[in-house]
Amino acid sequence: MSSVQDQVLSIVRKHCSVPDGEVEQSTPLKDFALDSLALLEIGLDLEREFDVTIDDAELAASTTLDDLVKLVTAVTAGQAV
């Protein structure tokens, strides 16, 4: 797992209780019972961690952990998603 993946997973785990080893990058975020507020909090934590600004619509469109990783990677590289 890459450093970005590890950091994103760590942030998601802060907002829901998911034991180690039970998460794959393709796991839908809805499986973690995250509501819209929790997703926004994750977005704020990602912004702080990576020193970026993440568009709320792009964040809301992220449906899996892999989507979040791709979003963070694109934003940190200065690319539109």
Protein backbone atom coordinates (compact mmCIF):
# COMPACT_ATOMS: atom_id res chain seq x y z
CA MET A 1 0.00 0.00 0.00
CA SER A 2 1.31 3.46 -0.85
CA SER A 3 1.85 6.21 1.65
CA VAL A 4 -1.19 8.13 0.33
CA GLN A 5 -3.34 4.99 0.65
CA ASP A 6 -2.14 4.45 4.21
CA GLN A 7 -2.85 8.04 5.18
CA VAL A 8 -6.31 8.05 3.58
CA LEU A 9 -7.20 4.76 5.26
CA SER A 10 -5.98 6.06 8.60
CA ILE A 11 -8.18 9.14 8.26
CA VAL A 12 -11.23 7.07 7.29
CA ARG A 13 -10.61 4.77 10.26
CA LYS A 14 -10.67 7.80 12.55
CA HIS A 15 -14.30 8.38 11.58
CA CYS A 16 -15.58 4.80 11.76
CA SER A 17 -14.65 1.59 13.50
CA VAL A 18 -13.05 -0.71 10.95
CA PRO A 19 -10.65 -3.36 12.26
CA ASP A 20 -7.26 -3.74 10.56
CA GLY A 21 -7.16 -6.16 7.67
CA GLU A 22 -10.85 -5.91 6.79
CA VAL A 23 -10.56 -3.08 4.29
CA GLU A 24 -9.74 -3.20 0.60
CA GLN A 25 -9.34 -0.23 -1.71
CA SER A 26 -12.50 -1.26 -3.57
CA THR A 27 -14.58 -1.27 -0.38
CA PRO A 28 -17.56 1.07 -0.81
CA LEU A 29 -17.56 3.93 1.69
CA LYS A 30 -21.23 3.16 2.42
CA ASP A 31 -20.06 -0.11 4.00
CA PHE A 32 -18.54 2.01 6.78
CA ALA A 33 -21.91 3.61 7.56
CA LEU A 34 -20.50 7.06 6.86
CA ASP A 35 -23.09 9.79 6.59
CA SER A 36 -22.60 13.02 4.66
CA LEU A 37 -21.28 14.85 7.73
CA ALA A 38 -18.67 12.16 8.38
CA LEU A 39 -17.60 12.32 4.72
CA LEU A 40 -17.16 16.10 5.00
CA GLU A 41 -15.11 15.61 8.17
CA ILE A 42 -12.94 13.11 6.31
CA GLY A 43 -12.55 15.68 3.54
CA LEU A 44 -11.42 18.32 6.04
CA ASP A 45 -8.93 15.91 7.58
CA LEU A 46 -7.60 15.04 4.10
CA GLU A 47 -7.22 18.74 3.33
CA ARG A 48 -5.25 19.28 6.54
CA GLU A 49 -3.12 16.17 6.11
CA PHE A 50 -2.16 16.88 2.49
CA ASP A 51 -2.37 20.71 2.59
CA VAL A 52 -4.82 20.85 -0.32
CA THR A 53 -8.35 22.02 -1.05
CA ILE A 54 -10.83 19.32 -2.04
CA ASP A 55 -14.03 20.24 -3.84
CA ASP A 56 -17.10 19.06 -1.90
CA ALA A 57 -18.75 17.72 -5.08
CA GLU A 58 -15.66 15.68 -5.94
CA LEU A 59 -15.53 14.38 -2.40
CA ALA A 60 -19.22 13.42 -2.50
CA ALA A 61 -18.63 11.60 -5.81
CA SER A 62 -16.01 9.38 -4.16
CA THR A 63 -17.69 6.05 -3.49
CA THR A 64 -14.73 3.86 -2.53
CA LEU A 65 -11.44 4.18 -0.67
CA ASP A 66 -9.69 3.96 -4.02
CA ASP A 67 -11.74 6.95 -5.23
CA LEU A 68 -10.54 8.95 -2.22
CA VAL A 69 -6.93 7.97 -2.88
CA LYS A 70 -7.24 8.96 -6.55
CA LEU A 71 -8.87 12.26 -5.57
CA VAL A 72 -6.10 13.12 -3.10
CA THR A 73 -3.41 12.07 -5.58
CA ALA A 74 -4.92 14.20 -8.34
CA VAL A 75 -5.42 17.23 -6.10
CA THR A 76 -1.89 17.05 -4.69
CA ALA A 77 -0.57 16.84 -8.26
CA GLY A 78 -2.62 19.94 -9.16
CA GLN A 79 -4.89 18.10 -11.57
CA ALA A 80 -8.65 18.39 -11.89
CA VAL A 81 -10.48 15.16 -11.20
